[in-house]
């Protein structure tokens, strides 16, 4: 069964570099109501798309990563493909919109990491 995996700053780069296929990095906070809704959406998404790795970063605990990615609002999402940063990811909080956002982002050229 696929799931959303917590990820901390000390394992972040190594984990993502070794992740094959598509990976989503989700910056969130326990206090963020939108993040709580996204938790549910991402859990459902992970069951439908077990080929997509989903990693959750607690922005309050991992402030170095939060600053590295210039996260100014929560939730924030970033897309990786085959271990390499691809782009920021924008989507409405539903499964169909998330799938479409990933597809569109992957059709565009990869960007430089923040």
PDB file of N, CA and C in Angstrom:
ATOM      1  N   UNK A   1       0.837  -1.182   0.000  1.00  0.00           N
ATOM      2  CA  UNK A   1       0.000   0.000   0.000  1.00  0.00           C
ATOM      3  C   UNK A   1       0.882   1.246   0.000  1.00  0.00           C
ATOM      4  N   UNK A   2       0.643   2.152  -0.922  1.00  0.00           N
ATOM      5  CA  UNK A   2       1.413   3.397  -1.015  1.00  0.00           C
ATOM      6  C   UNK A   2       0.993   4.347   0.100  1.00  0.00           C
ATOM      7  N   UNK A   3       1.869   5.264   0.404  1.00  0.00           N
ATOM      8  CA  UNK A   3       1.579   6.221   1.468  1.00  0.00           C
ATOM      9  C   UNK A   3       2.407   7.481   1.278  1.00  0.00           C
ATOM     10  N   UNK A   4       2.088   8.492   2.065  1.00  0.00           N
ATOM     11  CA  UNK A   4       2.871   9.715   2.099  1.00  0.00           C
ATOM     12  C   UNK A   4       3.938   9.527   3.167  1.00  0.00           C
ATOM     13  N   UNK A   5       5.194   9.719   2.799  1.00  0.00           N
ATOM     14  CA  UNK A   5       6.315   9.478   3.705  1.00  0.00           C
ATOM     15  C   UNK A   5       6.864  10.780   4.271  1.00  0.00           C
ATOM     16  N   UNK A   6       7.047  10.816   5.581  1.00  0.00           N
ATOM     17  CA  UNK A   6       7.690  11.970   6.213  1.00  0.00           C
ATOM     18  C   UNK A   6       9.165  11.961   5.833  1.00  0.00           C
ATOM     19  N   UNK A   7       9.712  13.153   5.626  1.00  0.00           N
ATOM     20  CA  UNK A   7      11.110  13.267   5.226  1.00  0.00           C
ATOM     21  C   UNK A   7      11.722  14.433   5.978  1.00  0.00           C
ATOM     22  N   UNK A   8      12.922  14.221   6.509  1.00  0.00           N
ATOM     23  CA  UNK A   8      13.612  15.266   7.261  1.00  0.00           C
ATOM     24  C   UNK A   8      14.805  15.784   6.468  1.00  0.00           C
ATOM     25  N   UNK A   9      15.282  16.954   6.849  1.00  0.00           N
ATOM     26  CA  UNK A   9      16.333  17.624   6.080  1.00  0.00           C
ATOM     27  C   UNK A   9      17.614  16.810   5.951  1.00  0.00           C
ATOM     28  N   UNK A  10      17.940  15.981   6.930  1.00  0.00           N
ATOM     29  CA  UNK A  10      19.209  15.254   6.885  1.00  0.00           C
ATOM     30  C   UNK A  10      19.196  14.089   5.907  1.00  0.00           C
ATOM     31  N   UNK A  11      18.017  13.674   5.480  1.00  0.00           N
ATOM     32  CA  UNK A  11      17.902  12.587   4.510  1.00  0.00           C
ATOM     33  C   UNK A  11      17.292  13.050   3.190  1.00  0.00           C
ATOM     34  N   UNK A  12      16.949  14.314   3.115  1.00  0.00           N
ATOM     35  CA  UNK A  12      16.198  14.862   1.990  1.00  0.00           C
ATOM     36  C   UNK A  12      16.884  14.638   0.653  1.00  0.00           C
ATOM     37  N   UNK A  13      18.049  15.225   0.453  1.00  0.00           N
ATOM     38  CA  UNK A  13      18.709  15.185  -0.859  1.00  0.00           C
ATOM     39  C   UNK A  13      19.070  13.761  -1.267  1.00  0.00           C
ATOM     40  N   UNK A  14      19.583  12.982  -0.346  1.00  0.00           N
ATOM     41  CA  UNK A  14      19.962  11.603  -0.658  1.00  0.00           C
ATOM     42  C   UNK A  14      18.736  10.782  -1.062  1.00  0.00           C
ATOM     43  N   UNK A  15      17.632  10.948  -0.336  1.00  0.00           N
ATOM     44  CA  UNK A  15      16.414  10.191  -0.641  1.00  0.00           C
ATOM     45  C   UNK A  15      15.873  10.557  -2.015  1.00  0.00           C
ATOM     46  N   UNK A  16      15.779  11.854  -2.295  1.00  0.00           N
ATOM     47  CA  UNK A  16      15.217  12.261  -3.585  1.00  0.00           C
ATOM     48  C   UNK A  16      16.120  11.884  -4.748  1.00  0.00           C
ATOM     49  N   UNK A  17      17.421  11.991  -4.578  1.00  0.00           N
ATOM     50  CA  UNK A  17      18.340  11.610  -5.651  1.00  0.00           C
ATOM     51  C   UNK A  17      18.232  10.129  -5.996  1.00  0.00           C
ATOM     52  N   UNK A  18      17.860   9.316  -5.032  1.00  0.00           N
ATOM     53  CA  UNK A  18      17.752   7.877  -5.270  1.00  0.00           C
ATOM     54  C   UNK A  18      16.325   7.424  -5.591  1.00  0.00           C
ATOM     55  N   UNK A  19      15.393   8.355  -5.699  1.00  0.00           N
ATOM     56  CA  UNK A  19      14.001   8.007  -6.001  1.00  0.00           C
ATOM     57  C   UNK A  19      13.787   7.977  -7.513  1.00  0.00           C
ATOM     58  N   UNK A  20      13.458   6.808  -8.025  1.00  0.00           N
ATOM     59  CA  UNK A  20      13.178   6.654  -9.453  1.00  0.00           C
ATOM     60  C   UNK A  20      11.746   7.113  -9.738  1.00  0.00           C
ATOM     61  N   UNK A  21      11.538   7.629 -10.936  1.00  0.00           N
ATOM     62  CA  UNK A  21      10.196   8.043 -11.343  1.00  0.00           C
ATOM     63  C   UNK A  21       9.825   9.397 -10.771  1.00  0.00           C
ATOM     64  N   UNK A  22       8.531   9.596 -10.620  1.00  0.00           N
ATOM     65  CA  UNK A  22       7.991  10.879 -10.170  1.00  0.00           C
ATOM     66  C   UNK A  22       7.948  10.922  -8.651  1.00  0.00           C
ATOM     67  N   UNK A  23       8.319  12.076  -8.102  1.00  0.00           N
ATOM     68  CA  UNK A  23       8.222  12.299  -6.656  1.00  0.00           C
ATOM     69  C   UNK A  23       7.659  13.702  -6.419  1.00  0.00           C
ATOM     70  N   UNK A  24       6.785  13.794  -5.437  1.00  0.00           N
ATOM     71  CA  UNK A  24       6.219  15.069  -5.018  1.00  0.00           C
ATOM     72  C   UNK A  24       6.724  15.357  -3.613  1.00  0.00           C
ATOM     73  N   UNK A  25       7.216  16.576  -3.412  1.00  0.00           N
ATOM     74  CA  UNK A  25       7.625  17.034  -2.089  1.00  0.00           C
ATOM     75  C   UNK A  25       6.558  18.023  -1.621  1.00  0.00           C
ATOM     76  N   UNK A  26       5.989  17.742  -0.450  1.00  0.00           N
ATOM     77  CA  UNK A  26       4.857  18.483   0.090  1.00  0.00           C
ATOM     78  C   UNK A  26       5.291  19.165   1.385  1.00  0.00           C
ATOM     79  N   UNK A  27       5.414  20.495   1.360  1.00  0.00           N
ATOM     80  CA  UNK A  27       5.731  21.262   2.564  1.00  0.00           C
ATOM     81  C   UNK A  27       4.427  21.611   3.257  1.00  0.00           C
ATOM     82  N   UNK A  28       4.327  21.269   4.541  1.00  0.00           N
ATOM     83  CA  UNK A  28       3.084  21.491   5.269  1.00  0.00           C
ATOM     84  C   UNK A  28       3.369  21.843   6.723  1.00  0.00           C
ATOM     85  N   UNK A  29       2.293  22.033   7.459  1.00  0.00           N
ATOM     86  CA  UNK A  29       2.371  22.321   8.884  1.00  0.00           C
ATOM     87  C   UNK A  29       1.128  21.758   9.551  1.00  0.00           C
ATOM     88  N   UNK A  30       1.257  21.328  10.780  1.00  0.00           N
ATOM     89  CA  UNK A  30       0.111  20.789  11.525  1.00  0.00           C
ATOM     90  C   UNK A  30      -0.977  21.835  11.721  1.00  0.00           C
ATOM     91  N   UNK A  31      -0.583  23.103  11.793  1.00  0.00           N
ATOM     92  CA  UNK A  31      -1.536  24.183  12.045  1.00  0.00           C
ATOM     93  C   UNK A  31      -2.287  24.626  10.789  1.00  0.00           C
ATOM     94  N   UNK A  32      -1.840  24.213   9.632  1.00  0.00           N
ATOM     95  CA  UNK A  32      -2.393  24.659   8.345  1.00  0.00           C
ATOM     96  C   UNK A  32      -3.616  23.821   7.966  1.00  0.00           C
ATOM     97  N   UNK A  33      -4.774  24.473   7.897  1.00  0.00           N
ATOM     98  CA  UNK A  33      -6.005  23.755   7.560  1.00  0.00           C
ATOM     99  C   UNK A  33      -5.977  23.232   6.118  1.00  0.00           C
ATOM    100  N   UNK A  34      -5.451  24.009   5.189  1.00  0.00           N
ATOM    101  CA  UNK A  34      -5.345  23.545   3.803  1.00  0.00           C
ATOM    102  C   UNK A  34      -4.423  22.331   3.711  1.00  0.00           C
ATOM    103  N   UNK A  35      -3.373  22.336   4.527  1.00  0.00           N
ATOM    104  CA  UNK A  35      -2.441  21.198   4.543  1.00  0.00           C
ATOM    105  C   UNK A  35      -3.139  19.931   5.010  1.00  0.00           C
ATOM    106  N   UNK A  36      -4.010  20.065   5.974  1.00  0.00           N
ATOM    107  CA  UNK A  36      -4.759  18.899   6.471  1.00  0.00           C
ATOM    108  C   UNK A  36      -5.631  18.319   5.364  1.00  0.00           C
ATOM    109  N   UNK A  37      -6.263  19.203   4.609  1.00  0.00           N
ATOM    110  CA  UNK A  37      -7.075  18.722   3.484  1.00  0.00           C
ATOM    111  C   UNK A  37      -6.178  18.029   2.455  1.00  0.00           C
ATOM    112  N   UNK A  38      -5.036  18.635   2.150  1.00  0.00           N
ATOM    113  CA  UNK A  38      -4.101  18.033   1.204  1.00  0.00           C
ATOM    114  C   UNK A  38      -3.578  16.685   1.694  1.00  0.00           C
ATOM    115  N   UNK A  39      -3.423  16.519   3.007  1.00  0.00           N
ATOM    116  CA  UNK A  39      -3.019  15.210   3.549  1.00  0.00           C
ATOM    117  C   UNK A  39      -3.960  14.127   3.042  1.00  0.00           C
ATOM    118  N   UNK A  40      -5.256  14.400   3.112  1.00  0.00           N
ATOM    119  CA  UNK A  40      -6.255  13.419   2.663  1.00  0.00           C
ATOM    120  C   UNK A  40      -6.191  13.198   1.156  1.00  0.00           C
ATOM    121  N   UNK A  41      -6.060  14.286   0.407  1.00  0.00           N
ATOM    122  CA  UNK A  41      -5.975  14.177  -1.056  1.00  0.00           C
ATOM    123  C   UNK A  41      -4.747  13.356  -1.444  1.00  0.00           C
ATOM    124  N   UNK A  42      -3.611  13.628  -0.827  1.00  0.00           N
ATOM    125  CA  UNK A  42      -2.380  12.911  -1.170  1.00  0.00           C
ATOM    126  C   UNK A  42      -2.422  11.445  -0.756  1.00  0.00           C
ATOM    127  N   UNK A  43      -3.072  11.137   0.347  1.00  0.00           N
ATOM    128  CA  UNK A  43      -3.234   9.726   0.736  1.00  0.00           C
ATOM    129  C   UNK A  43      -4.059   8.982  -0.322  1.00  0.00           C
ATOM    130  N   UNK A  44      -5.137   9.604  -0.786  1.00  0.00           N
ATOM    131  CA  UNK A  44      -5.960   8.987  -1.842  1.00  0.00           C
ATOM    132  C   UNK A  44      -5.156   8.860  -3.138  1.00  0.00           C
ATOM    133  N   UNK A  45      -4.421   9.911  -3.469  1.00  0.00           N
ATOM    134  CA  UNK A  45      -3.607   9.910  -4.685  1.00  0.00           C
ATOM    135  C   UNK A  45      -2.564   8.798  -4.637  1.00  0.00           C
ATOM    136  N   UNK A  46      -1.937   8.621  -3.484  1.00  0.00           N
ATOM    137  CA  UNK A  46      -0.895   7.596  -3.363  1.00  0.00           C
ATOM    138  C   UNK A  46      -1.463   6.190  -3.556  1.00  0.00           C
ATOM    139  N   UNK A  47      -2.715   6.000  -3.222  1.00  0.00           N
ATOM    140  CA  UNK A  47      -3.349   4.688  -3.438  1.00  0.00           C
ATOM    141  C   UNK A  47      -3.658   4.462  -4.914  1.00  0.00           C
ATOM    142  N   UNK A  48      -4.034   5.540  -5.614  1.00  0.00           N
ATOM    143  CA  UNK A  48      -4.331   5.436  -7.038  1.00  0.00           C
ATOM    144  C   UNK A  48      -3.065   5.400  -7.885  1.00  0.00           C
ATOM    145  N   UNK A  49      -2.021   6.056  -7.423  1.00  0.00           N
ATOM    146  CA  UNK A  49      -0.768   6.159  -8.168  1.00  0.00           C
ATOM    147  C   UNK A  49       0.409   5.714  -7.302  1.00  0.00           C
ATOM    148  N   UNK A  50       0.505   4.417  -7.008  1.00  0.00           N
ATOM    149  CA  UNK A  50       1.621   3.947  -6.176  1.00  0.00           C
ATOM    150  C   UNK A  50       2.982   4.126  -6.839  1.00  0.00           C
ATOM    151  N   UNK A  51       2.996   4.457  -8.130  1.00  0.00           N
ATOM    152  CA  UNK A  51       4.255   4.710  -8.837  1.00  0.00           C
ATOM    153  C   UNK A  51       4.821   6.096  -8.550  1.00  0.00           C
ATOM    154  N   UNK A  52       4.032   6.957  -7.901  1.00  0.00           N
ATOM    155  CA  UNK A  52       4.471   8.307  -7.545  1.00  0.00           C
ATOM    156  C   UNK A  52       4.858   8.315  -6.070  1.00  0.00           C
ATOM    157  N   UNK A  53       6.085   8.706  -5.772  1.00  0.00           N
ATOM    158  CA  UNK A  53       6.540   8.819  -4.381  1.00  0.00           C
ATOM    159  C   UNK A  53       6.132  10.193  -3.849  1.00  0.00           C
ATOM    160  N   UNK A  54       5.606  10.213  -2.624  1.00  0.00           N
ATOM    161  CA  UNK A  54       5.177  11.463  -2.022  1.00  0.00           C
ATOM    162  C   UNK A  54       5.897  11.626  -0.690  1.00  0.00           C
ATOM    163  N   UNK A  55       6.573  12.762  -0.540  1.00  0.00           N
ATOM    164  CA  UNK A  55       7.332  13.055   0.668  1.00  0.00           C
ATOM    165  C   UNK A  55       6.798  14.326   1.315  1.00  0.00           C
ATOM    166  N   UNK A  56       6.598  14.258   2.605  1.00  0.00           N
ATOM    167  CA  UNK A  56       6.041  15.381   3.362  1.00  0.00           C
ATOM    168  C   UNK A  56       7.117  15.977   4.268  1.00  0.00           C
ATOM    169  N   UNK A  57       7.239  17.301   4.197  1.00  0.00           N
ATOM    170  CA  UNK A  57       8.190  18.041   5.012  1.00  0.00           C
ATOM    171  C   UNK A  57       7.410  18.912   5.987  1.00  0.00           C
ATOM    172  N   UNK A  58       7.722  18.834   7.266  1.00  0.00           N
ATOM    173  CA  UNK A  58       7.109  19.729   8.255  1.00  0.00           C
ATOM    174  C   UNK A  58       7.883  21.042   8.211  1.00  0.00           C
ATOM    175  N   UNK A  59       7.255  22.063   7.640  1.00  0.00           N
ATOM    176  CA  UNK A  59       7.929  23.348   7.433  1.00  0.00           C
ATOM    177  C   UNK A  59       8.358  23.997   8.741  1.00  0.00           C
ATOM    178  N   UNK A  60       7.646  23.736   9.825  1.00  0.00           N
ATOM    179  CA  UNK A  60       8.004  24.304  11.109  1.00  0.00           C
ATOM    180  C   UNK A  60       9.232  23.655  11.722  1.00  0.00           C
ATOM    181  N   UNK A  61       9.414  22.374  11.483  1.00  0.00           N
ATOM    182  CA  UNK A  61      10.559  21.650  12.038  1.00  0.00           C
ATOM    183  C   UNK A  61      11.791  21.738  11.148  1.00  0.00           C
ATOM    184  N   UNK A  62      11.597  21.683   9.856  1.00  0.00           N
ATOM    185  CA  UNK A  62      12.710  21.686   8.908  1.00  0.00           C
ATOM    186  C   UNK A  62      12.818  23.048   8.221  1.00  0.00           C
ATOM    187  N   UNK A  63      13.189  24.032   9.017  1.00  0.00           N
ATOM    188  CA  UNK A  63      13.241  25.399   8.516  1.00  0.00           C
ATOM    189  C   UNK A  63      14.343  25.609   7.482  1.00  0.00           C
ATOM    190  N   UNK A  64      15.414  24.847   7.554  1.00  0.00           N
ATOM    191  CA  UNK A  64      16.487  24.996   6.567  1.00  0.00           C
ATOM    192  C   UNK A  64      15.980  24.619   5.171  1.00  0.00           C
ATOM    193  N   UNK A  65      15.248  23.517   5.065  1.00  0.00           N
ATOM    194  CA  UNK A  65      14.674  23.122   3.774  1.00  0.00           C
ATOM    195  C   UNK A  65      13.618  24.120   3.317  1.00  0.00           C
ATOM    196  N   UNK A  66      12.828  24.590   4.255  1.00  0.00           N
ATOM    197  CA  UNK A  66      11.789  25.570   3.938  1.00  0.00           C
ATOM    198  C   UNK A  66      12.411  26.825   3.341  1.00  0.00           C
ATOM    199  N   UNK A  67      13.533  27.270   3.907  1.00  0.00           N
ATOM    200  CA  UNK A  67      14.242  28.434   3.372  1.00  0.00           C
ATOM    201  C   UNK A  67      14.915  28.111   2.039  1.00  0.00           C
ATOM    202  N   UNK A  68      15.492  26.916   1.938  1.00  0.00           N
ATOM    203  CA  UNK A  68      16.173  26.522   0.704  1.00  0.00           C
ATOM    204  C   UNK A  68      15.220  26.572  -0.486  1.00  0.00           C
ATOM    205  N   UNK A  69      13.977  26.185  -0.277  1.00  0.00           N
ATOM    206  CA  UNK A  69      12.983  26.162  -1.343  1.00  0.00           C
ATOM    207  C   UNK A  69      12.159  27.449  -1.418  1.00  0.00           C
ATOM    208  N   UNK A  70      12.523  28.448  -0.634  1.00  0.00           N
ATOM    209  CA  UNK A  70      11.808  29.723  -0.622  1.00  0.00           C
ATOM    210  C   UNK A  70      10.311  29.541  -0.422  1.00  0.00           C
ATOM    211  N   UNK A  71       9.946  28.687   0.515  1.00  0.00           N
ATOM    212  CA  UNK A  71       8.530  28.442   0.808  1.00  0.00           C
ATOM    213  C   UNK A  71       8.006  29.606   1.642  1.00  0.00           C
ATOM    214  N   UNK A  72       7.056  30.335   1.064  1.00  0.00           N
ATOM    215  CA  UNK A  72       6.459  31.478   1.757  1.00  0.00           C
ATOM    216  C   UNK A  72       5.020  31.214   2.163  1.00  0.00           C
ATOM    217  N   UNK A  73       4.399  30.208   1.564  1.00  0.00           N
ATOM    218  CA  UNK A  73       3.029  29.862   1.937  1.00  0.00           C
ATOM    219  C   UNK A  73       2.884  28.343   1.958  1.00  0.00           C
ATOM    220  N   UNK A  74       1.955  27.901   2.731  1.00  0.00           N
ATOM    221  CA  UNK A  74       1.680  26.470   2.846  1.00  0.00           C
ATOM    222  C   UNK A  74       0.246  26.204   2.397  1.00  0.00           C
ATOM    223  N   UNK A  75       0.028  25.065   1.818  1.00  0.00           N
ATOM    224  CA  UNK A  75       1.007  24.061   1.419  1.00  0.00           C
ATOM    225  C   UNK A  75       1.778  24.487   0.165  1.00  0.00           C
ATOM    226  N   UNK A  76       2.960  23.935   0.006  1.00  0.00           N
ATOM    227  CA  UNK A  76       3.772  24.140  -1.196  1.00  0.00           C
ATOM    228  C   UNK A  76       4.235  22.780  -1.705  1.00  0.00           C
ATOM    229  N   UNK A  77       4.295  22.665  -3.026  1.00  0.00           N
ATOM    230  CA  UNK A  77       4.624  21.386  -3.658  1.00  0.00           C
ATOM    231  C   UNK A  77       5.736  21.566  -4.674  1.00  0.00           C
ATOM    232  N   UNK A  78       6.602  20.559  -4.752  1.00  0.00           N
ATOM    233  CA  UNK A  78       7.688  20.573  -5.715  1.00  0.00           C
ATOM    234  C   UNK A  78       7.763  19.194  -6.360  1.00  0.00           C
ATOM    235  N   UNK A  79       8.049  19.190  -7.648  1.00  0.00           N
ATOM    236  CA  UNK A  79       8.049  17.969  -8.437  1.00  0.00           C
ATOM    237  C   UNK A  79       9.472  17.557  -8.781  1.00  0.00           C
ATOM    238  N   UNK A  80       9.778  16.299  -8.580  1.00  0.00           N
ATOM    239  CA  UNK A  80      11.050  15.698  -8.972  1.00  0.00           C
ATOM    240  C   UNK A  80      10.758  14.582  -9.967  1.00  0.00           C
ATOM    241  N   UNK A  81      11.708  14.328 -10.836  1.00  0.00           N
ATOM    242  CA  UNK A  81      11.572  13.225 -11.784  1.00  0.00           C
ATOM    243  C   UNK A  81      12.925  12.536 -11.913  1.00  0.00           C
ATOM    244  N   UNK A  82      12.937  11.260 -11.603  1.00  0.00           N
ATOM    245  CA  UNK A  82      14.161  10.450 -11.649  1.00  0.00           C
ATOM    246  C   UNK A  82      15.309  11.077 -10.871  1.00  0.00           C
ATOM    247  N   UNK A  83      14.997  11.535  -9.665  1.00  0.00           N
ATOM    248  CA  UNK A  83      16.010  12.045  -8.761  1.00  0.00           C
ATOM    249  C   UNK A  83      16.432  13.473  -8.979  1.00  0.00           C
ATOM    250  N   UNK A  84      15.853  14.140  -9.960  1.00  0.00           N
ATOM    251  CA  UNK A  84      16.239  15.508 -10.286  1.00  0.00           C
ATOM    252  C   UNK A  84      15.052  16.448 -10.086  1.00  0.00           C
ATOM    253  N   UNK A  85      15.355  17.639  -9.574  1.00  0.00           N
ATOM    254  CA  UNK A  85      14.314  18.647  -9.401  1.00  0.00           C
ATOM    255  C   UNK A  85      13.725  18.999 -10.763  1.00  0.00           C
ATOM    256  N   UNK A  86      12.402  19.131 -10.816  1.00  0.00           N
ATOM    257  CA  UNK A  86      11.755  19.491 -12.076  1.00  0.00           C
ATOM    258  C   UNK A  86      11.104  20.870 -12.012  1.00  0.00           C
ATOM    259  N   UNK A  87      10.238  21.095 -11.023  1.00  0.00           N
ATOM    260  CA  UNK A  87       9.556  22.390 -10.939  1.00  0.00           C
ATOM    261  C   UNK A  87       8.700  22.469  -9.681  1.00  0.00           C
ATOM    262  N   UNK A  88       8.244  23.690  -9.390  1.00  0.00           N
ATOM    263  CA  UNK A  88       7.199  23.861  -8.387  1.00  0.00           C
ATOM    264  C   UNK A  88       5.927  23.298  -9.005  1.00  0.00           C
ATOM    265  N   UNK A  89       4.992  22.889  -8.172  1.00  0.00           N
ATOM    266  CA  UNK A  89       3.761  22.276  -8.662  1.00  0.00           C
ATOM    267  C   UNK A  89       2.576  23.040  -8.087  1.00  0.00           C
ATOM    268  N   UNK A  90       1.682  23.471  -8.966  1.00  0.00           N
ATOM    269  CA  UNK A  90       0.478  24.192  -8.563  1.00  0.00           C
ATOM    270  C   UNK A  90      -0.730  23.342  -8.926  1.00  0.00           C
ATOM    271  N   UNK A  91      -1.661  23.191  -7.979  1.00  0.00           N
ATOM    272  CA  UNK A  91      -2.843  22.384  -8.251  1.00  0.00           C
ATOM    273  C   UNK A  91      -3.961  22.722  -7.284  1.00  0.00           C
ATOM    274  N   UNK A  92      -5.186  22.547  -7.760  1.00  0.00           N
ATOM    275  CA  UNK A  92      -6.326  22.561  -6.860  1.00  0.00           C
ATOM    276  C   UNK A  92      -6.251  21.290  -6.030  1.00  0.00           C
ATOM    277  N   UNK A  93      -6.927  21.283  -4.901  1.00  0.00           N
ATOM    278  CA  UNK A  93      -6.845  20.159  -3.967  1.00  0.00           C
ATOM    279  C   UNK A  93      -7.837  19.053  -4.304  1.00  0.00           C
ATOM    280  N   UNK A  94      -7.650  18.457  -5.484  1.00  0.00           N
ATOM    281  CA  UNK A  94      -8.438  17.275  -5.835  1.00  0.00           C
ATOM    282  C   UNK A  94      -7.604  16.373  -6.740  1.00  0.00           C
ATOM    283  N   UNK A  95      -7.991  15.114  -6.820  1.00  0.00           N
ATOM    284  CA  UNK A  95      -7.189  14.115  -7.524  1.00  0.00           C
ATOM    285  C   UNK A  95      -7.022  14.413  -9.011  1.00  0.00           C
ATOM    286  N   UNK A  96      -8.094  14.783  -9.677  1.00  0.00           N
ATOM    287  CA  UNK A  96      -8.037  15.035 -11.112  1.00  0.00           C
ATOM    288  C   UNK A  96      -7.127  16.222 -11.422  1.00  0.00           C
ATOM    289  N   UNK A  97      -7.256  17.294 -10.654  1.00  0.00           N
ATOM    290  CA  UNK A  97      -6.427  18.481 -10.869  1.00  0.00           C
ATOM    291  C   UNK A  97      -4.953  18.178 -10.592  1.00  0.00           C
ATOM    292  N   UNK A  98      -4.679  17.385  -9.570  1.00  0.00           N
ATOM    293  CA  UNK A  98      -3.294  17.029  -9.248  1.00  0.00           C
ATOM    294  C   UNK A  98      -2.669  16.221 -10.376  1.00  0.00           C
ATOM    295  N   UNK A  99      -3.410  15.261 -10.880  1.00  0.00           N
ATOM    296  CA  UNK A  99      -2.916  14.436 -11.994  1.00  0.00           C
ATOM    297  C   UNK A  99      -2.618  15.312 -13.216  1.00  0.00           C
ATOM    298  N   UNK A 100      -3.515  16.228 -13.528  1.00  0.00           N
ATOM    299  CA  UNK A 100      -3.321  17.124 -14.662  1.00  0.00           C
ATOM    300  C   UNK A 100      -2.124  18.051 -14.449  1.00  0.00           C
ATOM    301  N   UNK A 101      -1.955  18.567 -13.248  1.00  0.00           N
ATOM    302  CA  UNK A 101      -0.830  19.454 -12.941  1.00  0.00           C
ATOM    303  C   UNK A 101       0.505  18.746 -13.111  1.00  0.00           C
ATOM    304  N   UNK A 102       0.571  17.505 -12.670  1.00  0.00           N
ATOM    305  CA  UNK A 102       1.803  16.719 -12.827  1.00  0.00           C
ATOM    306  C   UNK A 102       2.097  16.506 -14.305  1.00  0.00           C
ATOM    307  N   UNK A 103       1.075  16.116 -15.056  1.00  0.00           N
ATOM    308  CA  UNK A 103       1.249  15.870 -16.497  1.00  0.00           C
ATOM    309  C   UNK A 103       1.748  17.131 -17.196  1.00  0.00           C
ATOM    310  N   UNK A 104       1.114  18.268 -16.921  1.00  0.00           N
ATOM    311  CA  UNK A 104       1.511  19.522 -17.566  1.00  0.00           C
ATOM    312  C   UNK A 104       2.924  19.942 -17.162  1.00  0.00           C
ATOM    313  N   UNK A 105       3.259  19.767 -15.894  1.00  0.00           N
ATOM    314  CA  UNK A 105       4.597  20.143 -15.426  1.00  0.00           C
ATOM    315  C   UNK A 105       5.669  19.289 -16.115  1.00  0.00           C
ATOM    316  N   UNK A 106       5.394  18.013 -16.289  1.00  0.00           N
ATOM    317  CA  UNK A 106       6.380  17.120 -16.915  1.00  0.00           C
ATOM    318  C   UNK A 106       6.529  17.378 -18.409  1.00  0.00           C
ATOM    319  N   UNK A 107       5.517  18.003 -19.037  1.00  0.00           N
ATOM    320  CA  UNK A 107       5.616  18.350 -20.447  1.00  0.00           C
ATOM    321  C   UNK A 107       6.507  19.574 -20.672  1.00  0.00           C
ATOM    322  N   UNK A 108       6.694  20.357 -19.624  1.00  0.00           N
ATOM    323  CA  UNK A 108       7.551  21.540 -19.702  1.00  0.00           C
ATOM    324  C   UNK A 108       8.982  21.147 -19.344  1.00  0.00           C
ATOM    325  N   UNK A 109       9.953  21.914 -19.808  1.00  0.00           N
ATOM    326  CA  UNK A 109      11.339  21.593 -19.449  1.00  0.00           C
ATOM    327  C   UNK A 109      11.588  21.749 -17.965  1.00  0.00           C
ATOM    328  N   UNK A 110      12.520  20.980 -17.459  1.00  0.00           N
ATOM    329  CA  UNK A 110      12.888  21.068 -16.041  1.00  0.00           C
ATOM    330  C   UNK A 110      13.460  22.441 -15.755  1.00  0.00           C
ATOM    331  N   UNK A 111      13.267  22.892 -14.522  1.00  0.00           N
ATOM    332  CA  UNK A 111      13.759  24.188 -14.087  1.00  0.00           C
ATOM    333  C   UNK A 111      14.968  23.993 -13.180  1.00  0.00           C
ATOM    334  N   UNK A 112      15.631  25.081 -12.898  1.00  0.00           N
ATOM    335  CA  UNK A 112      16.746  25.063 -11.964  1.00  0.00           C
ATOM    336  C   UNK A 112      16.199  24.949 -10.536  1.00  0.00           C
ATOM    337  N   UNK A 113      16.853  24.192  -9.709  1.00  0.00           N
ATOM    338  CA  UNK A 113      16.416  24.027  -8.331  1.00  0.00           C
ATOM    339  C   UNK A 113      16.473  25.357  -7.595  1.00  0.00           C
ATOM    340  N   UNK A 114      15.467  25.612  -6.741  1.00  0.00           N
ATOM    341  CA  UNK A 114      15.469  26.895  -6.004  1.00  0.00           C
ATOM    342  C   UNK A 114      16.700  27.049  -5.138  1.00  0.00           C
TER     343      UNK A 114
END
